[in-house]
Amino acid sequence: MNETVASFRSGKVDFLSDFPVGGVGTVVAVNVENELQGRLMGMGLFVGARFHLIQGGNGFPLLLAIGDTRLALGCEIGRCILVEQ
């Protein structure tokens, strides 16, 4: 598991890939190339979005709920997204 990388607002900021399964959080940064960032934004994953991590982490794909949308991401992308609880 990666170290907590920063303190932001009221919580600790972690990589999405290290976020606890079952947790609810907020996206605080998306550090991917522009094309991928546009696709993620189109699926509802953008700075300020609230999500629920349904499953994943520890090298496994991540499954997020963002509103009524379910989004599956690879762990490598999860290491490019910063979130807070």
N, C-alpha and C. Protein backbone atom coordinates (compact mmCIF):
# COMPACT_ATOMS: atom_id res chain seq x y z
N MET A 1 0.85 -1.18 0.00
CA MET A 1 0.00 0.00 0.00
C MET A 1 0.88 1.24 0.00
N ASN A 2 0.53 2.24 -0.79
CA ASN A 2 1.29 3.48 -0.86
C ASN A 2 1.02 4.33 0.37
N GLU A 3 1.98 5.18 0.70
CA GLU A 3 1.82 6.13 1.79
C GLU A 3 0.73 7.13 1.41
N THR A 4 0.08 7.68 2.41
CA THR A 4 -0.83 8.79 2.15
C THR A 4 0.01 9.91 1.57
N VAL A 5 -0.44 10.49 0.48
CA VAL A 5 0.40 11.43 -0.25
C VAL A 5 0.22 12.88 0.13
N ALA A 6 -0.88 13.23 0.76
CA ALA A 6 -1.07 14.64 1.11
C ALA A 6 -2.28 14.78 2.02
N SER A 7 -2.43 15.94 2.56
CA SER A 7 -3.63 16.26 3.31
C SER A 7 -4.40 17.29 2.50
N PHE A 8 -5.69 17.09 2.33
CA PHE A 8 -6.50 17.96 1.48
C PHE A 8 -7.85 18.15 2.15
N ARG A 9 -8.31 19.36 2.19
CA ARG A 9 -9.61 19.67 2.80
C ARG A 9 -9.69 19.04 4.18
N SER A 10 -10.68 18.16 4.38
CA SER A 10 -10.90 17.59 5.70
C SER A 10 -10.33 16.19 5.85
N GLY A 11 -9.86 15.58 4.77
CA GLY A 11 -9.43 14.19 4.86
C GLY A 11 -8.04 13.98 4.31
N LYS A 12 -7.63 12.73 4.32
CA LYS A 12 -6.35 12.33 3.76
C LYS A 12 -6.55 11.98 2.29
N VAL A 13 -5.59 12.34 1.49
CA VAL A 13 -5.64 12.05 0.06
C VAL A 13 -4.84 10.79 -0.20
N ASP A 14 -5.44 9.85 -0.92
CA ASP A 14 -4.81 8.58 -1.28
C ASP A 14 -5.01 8.35 -2.78
N PHE A 15 -4.24 7.42 -3.31
CA PHE A 15 -4.50 6.96 -4.66
C PHE A 15 -5.77 6.12 -4.64
N LEU A 16 -6.55 6.20 -5.70
CA LEU A 16 -7.77 5.39 -5.79
C LEU A 16 -7.44 3.90 -5.64
N SER A 17 -6.30 3.47 -6.16
CA SER A 17 -5.91 2.06 -6.08
C SER A 17 -5.68 1.61 -4.64
N ASP A 18 -5.47 2.55 -3.69
CA ASP A 18 -5.24 2.23 -2.28
C ASP A 18 -6.45 2.51 -1.40
N PHE A 19 -7.54 2.96 -2.00
CA PHE A 19 -8.74 3.32 -1.24
C PHE A 19 -9.40 2.06 -0.70
N PRO A 20 -9.97 2.10 0.50
CA PRO A 20 -10.60 0.90 1.06
C PRO A 20 -11.88 0.50 0.33
N VAL A 21 -12.00 -0.77 0.04
CA VAL A 21 -13.21 -1.31 -0.58
C VAL A 21 -14.39 -1.04 0.35
N GLY A 22 -15.48 -0.58 -0.22
CA GLY A 22 -16.67 -0.25 0.55
C GLY A 22 -16.71 1.22 0.96
N GLY A 23 -15.59 1.91 0.78
CA GLY A 23 -15.51 3.32 1.17
C GLY A 23 -16.20 4.24 0.18
N VAL A 24 -16.59 5.40 0.68
CA VAL A 24 -17.18 6.46 -0.14
C VAL A 24 -16.22 7.63 -0.10
N GLY A 25 -15.95 8.22 -1.26
CA GLY A 25 -14.99 9.31 -1.30
C GLY A 25 -15.29 10.31 -2.39
N THR A 26 -14.36 11.24 -2.53
CA THR A 26 -14.45 12.31 -3.53
C THR A 26 -13.16 12.35 -4.32
N VAL A 27 -13.28 12.50 -5.64
CA VAL A 27 -12.11 12.62 -6.51
C VAL A 27 -11.53 14.03 -6.32
N VAL A 28 -10.20 14.11 -6.05
CA VAL A 28 -9.57 15.42 -5.89
C VAL A 28 -8.59 15.75 -7.01
N ALA A 29 -8.13 14.76 -7.77
CA ALA A 29 -7.25 15.01 -8.92
C ALA A 29 -7.25 13.81 -9.84
N VAL A 30 -7.18 14.07 -11.15
CA VAL A 30 -7.09 13.01 -12.16
C VAL A 30 -5.88 13.35 -13.01
N ASN A 31 -4.80 12.58 -12.83
CA ASN A 31 -3.52 12.87 -13.49
C ASN A 31 -3.26 11.86 -14.62
N VAL A 32 -4.04 11.99 -15.70
CA VAL A 32 -3.89 11.12 -16.86
C VAL A 32 -3.82 12.00 -18.10
N GLU A 33 -3.46 11.40 -19.23
CA GLU A 33 -3.38 12.18 -20.47
C GLU A 33 -4.77 12.69 -20.86
N ASN A 34 -4.78 13.76 -21.65
CA ASN A 34 -6.03 14.46 -21.97
C ASN A 34 -7.10 13.58 -22.58
N GLU A 35 -6.73 12.69 -23.51
CA GLU A 35 -7.73 11.84 -24.16
C GLU A 35 -8.43 10.95 -23.13
N LEU A 36 -7.65 10.30 -22.27
CA LEU A 36 -8.23 9.43 -21.24
C LEU A 36 -9.03 10.26 -20.24
N GLN A 37 -8.53 11.43 -19.89
CA GLN A 37 -9.25 12.28 -18.95
C GLN A 37 -10.63 12.65 -19.51
N GLY A 38 -10.70 12.95 -20.79
CA GLY A 38 -11.99 13.25 -21.42
C GLY A 38 -12.95 12.08 -21.36
N ARG A 39 -12.44 10.88 -21.59
CA ARG A 39 -13.30 9.69 -21.53
C ARG A 39 -13.79 9.45 -20.11
N LEU A 40 -12.90 9.60 -19.12
CA LEU A 40 -13.30 9.41 -17.72
C LEU A 40 -14.34 10.45 -17.31
N MET A 41 -14.13 11.70 -17.73
CA MET A 41 -15.10 12.75 -17.41
C MET A 41 -16.46 12.43 -18.01
N GLY A 42 -16.47 11.89 -19.23
CA GLY A 42 -17.72 11.52 -19.88
C GLY A 42 -18.46 10.41 -19.16
N MET A 43 -17.74 9.63 -18.36
CA MET A 43 -18.36 8.55 -17.57
C MET A 43 -18.66 8.99 -16.14
N GLY A 44 -18.37 10.27 -15.84
CA GLY A 44 -18.72 10.80 -14.52
C GLY A 44 -17.58 10.89 -13.53
N LEU A 45 -16.36 10.50 -13.94
CA LEU A 45 -15.22 10.55 -13.03
C LEU A 45 -14.43 11.83 -13.30
N PHE A 46 -14.64 12.83 -12.45
CA PHE A 46 -13.98 14.12 -12.58
C PHE A 46 -13.76 14.68 -11.18
N VAL A 47 -12.95 15.72 -11.07
CA VAL A 47 -12.68 16.34 -9.77
C VAL A 47 -13.99 16.78 -9.14
N GLY A 48 -14.20 16.37 -7.91
CA GLY A 48 -15.42 16.69 -7.18
C GLY A 48 -16.47 15.60 -7.20
N ALA A 49 -16.29 14.59 -8.06
CA ALA A 49 -17.27 13.50 -8.15
C ALA A 49 -17.22 12.63 -6.89
N ARG A 50 -18.39 12.28 -6.36
CA ARG A 50 -18.49 11.36 -5.23
C ARG A 50 -18.61 9.94 -5.79
N PHE A 51 -17.97 8.99 -5.14
CA PHE A 51 -17.98 7.61 -5.62
C PHE A 51 -18.04 6.64 -4.45
N HIS A 52 -18.38 5.40 -4.76
CA HIS A 52 -18.35 4.29 -3.81
C HIS A 52 -17.49 3.22 -4.45
N LEU A 53 -16.43 2.78 -3.76
CA LEU A 53 -15.56 1.72 -4.30
C LEU A 53 -16.19 0.38 -3.95
N ILE A 54 -16.68 -0.31 -4.96
CA ILE A 54 -17.39 -1.57 -4.76
C ILE A 54 -16.43 -2.74 -4.58
N GLN A 55 -15.38 -2.78 -5.41
CA GLN A 55 -14.39 -3.86 -5.28
C GLN A 55 -13.09 -3.47 -5.94
N GLY A 56 -12.05 -4.21 -5.64
CA GLY A 56 -10.76 -3.99 -6.28
C GLY A 56 -9.67 -3.61 -5.33
N GLY A 57 -8.56 -3.16 -5.92
CA GLY A 57 -7.38 -2.80 -5.16
C GLY A 57 -6.41 -3.96 -5.07
N ASN A 58 -5.25 -3.72 -4.50
CA ASN A 58 -4.21 -4.74 -4.34
C ASN A 58 -3.89 -5.45 -5.66
N GLY A 59 -3.78 -4.68 -6.73
CA GLY A 59 -3.43 -5.24 -8.03
C GLY A 59 -4.60 -5.71 -8.87
N PHE A 60 -5.81 -5.67 -8.34
CA PHE A 60 -6.99 -6.10 -9.07
C PHE A 60 -7.71 -4.89 -9.65
N PRO A 61 -8.49 -5.07 -10.73
CA PRO A 61 -9.26 -3.96 -11.28
C PRO A 61 -10.20 -3.37 -10.24
N LEU A 62 -10.52 -2.09 -10.41
CA LEU A 62 -11.38 -1.36 -9.49
C LEU A 62 -12.77 -1.23 -10.09
N LEU A 63 -13.78 -1.40 -9.27
CA LEU A 63 -15.17 -1.20 -9.70
C LEU A 63 -15.75 -0.10 -8.83
N LEU A 64 -16.15 1.00 -9.47
CA LEU A 64 -16.69 2.17 -8.77
C LEU A 64 -18.15 2.36 -9.11
N ALA A 65 -18.89 2.91 -8.16
CA ALA A 65 -20.24 3.39 -8.43
C ALA A 65 -20.18 4.91 -8.34
N ILE A 66 -20.59 5.57 -9.41
CA ILE A 66 -20.70 7.03 -9.44
C ILE A 66 -22.13 7.32 -9.85
N GLY A 67 -22.95 7.66 -8.88
CA GLY A 67 -24.38 7.79 -9.15
C GLY A 67 -24.93 6.44 -9.58
N ASP A 68 -25.62 6.41 -10.71
CA ASP A 68 -26.18 5.16 -11.24
C ASP A 68 -25.21 4.44 -12.17
N THR A 69 -24.02 4.99 -12.37
CA THR A 69 -23.04 4.44 -13.29
C THR A 69 -22.07 3.53 -12.56
N ARG A 70 -21.71 2.41 -13.18
CA ARG A 70 -20.65 1.53 -12.67
C ARG A 70 -19.48 1.66 -13.62
N LEU A 71 -18.30 1.85 -13.07
CA LEU A 71 -17.10 2.11 -13.87
C LEU A 71 -16.00 1.17 -13.42
N ALA A 72 -15.44 0.40 -14.35
CA ALA A 72 -14.32 -0.50 -14.06
C ALA A 72 -13.04 0.14 -14.57
N LEU A 73 -12.02 0.19 -13.72
CA LEU A 73 -10.73 0.78 -14.06
C LEU A 73 -9.62 -0.18 -13.69
N GLY A 74 -8.56 -0.17 -14.49
CA GLY A 74 -7.38 -0.94 -14.13
C GLY A 74 -6.65 -0.28 -12.98
N CYS A 75 -5.90 -1.06 -12.22
CA CYS A 75 -5.16 -0.54 -11.07
C CYS A 75 -4.17 0.54 -11.47
N GLU A 76 -3.58 0.42 -12.67
CA GLU A 76 -2.61 1.44 -13.09
C GLU A 76 -3.26 2.80 -13.25
N ILE A 77 -4.51 2.84 -13.68
CA ILE A 77 -5.23 4.11 -13.75
C ILE A 77 -5.59 4.58 -12.34
N GLY A 78 -5.90 3.65 -11.48
CA GLY A 78 -6.21 3.99 -10.09
C GLY A 78 -5.05 4.67 -9.38
N ARG A 79 -3.83 4.42 -9.84
CA ARG A 79 -2.66 5.08 -9.25
C ARG A 79 -2.44 6.49 -9.81
N CYS A 80 -3.30 6.91 -10.72
CA CYS A 80 -3.22 8.26 -11.30
C CYS A 80 -4.36 9.16 -10.82
N ILE A 81 -5.22 8.61 -9.95
CA ILE A 81 -6.38 9.35 -9.47
C ILE A 81 -6.27 9.50 -7.96
N LEU A 82 -6.30 10.74 -7.50
CA LEU A 82 -6.23 11.03 -6.07
C LEU A 82 -7.64 11.25 -5.53
N VAL A 83 -7.90 10.66 -4.36
CA VAL A 83 -9.23 10.73 -3.76
C VAL A 83 -9.11 10.97 -2.25
N GLU A 84 -10.19 11.43 -1.67
CA GLU A 84 -10.24 11.56 -0.21
C GLU A 84 -11.55 10.99 0.31
N GLN A 85 -11.52 10.53 1.56
CA GLN A 85 -12.73 10.01 2.19
C GLN A 85 -13.54 11.14 2.73
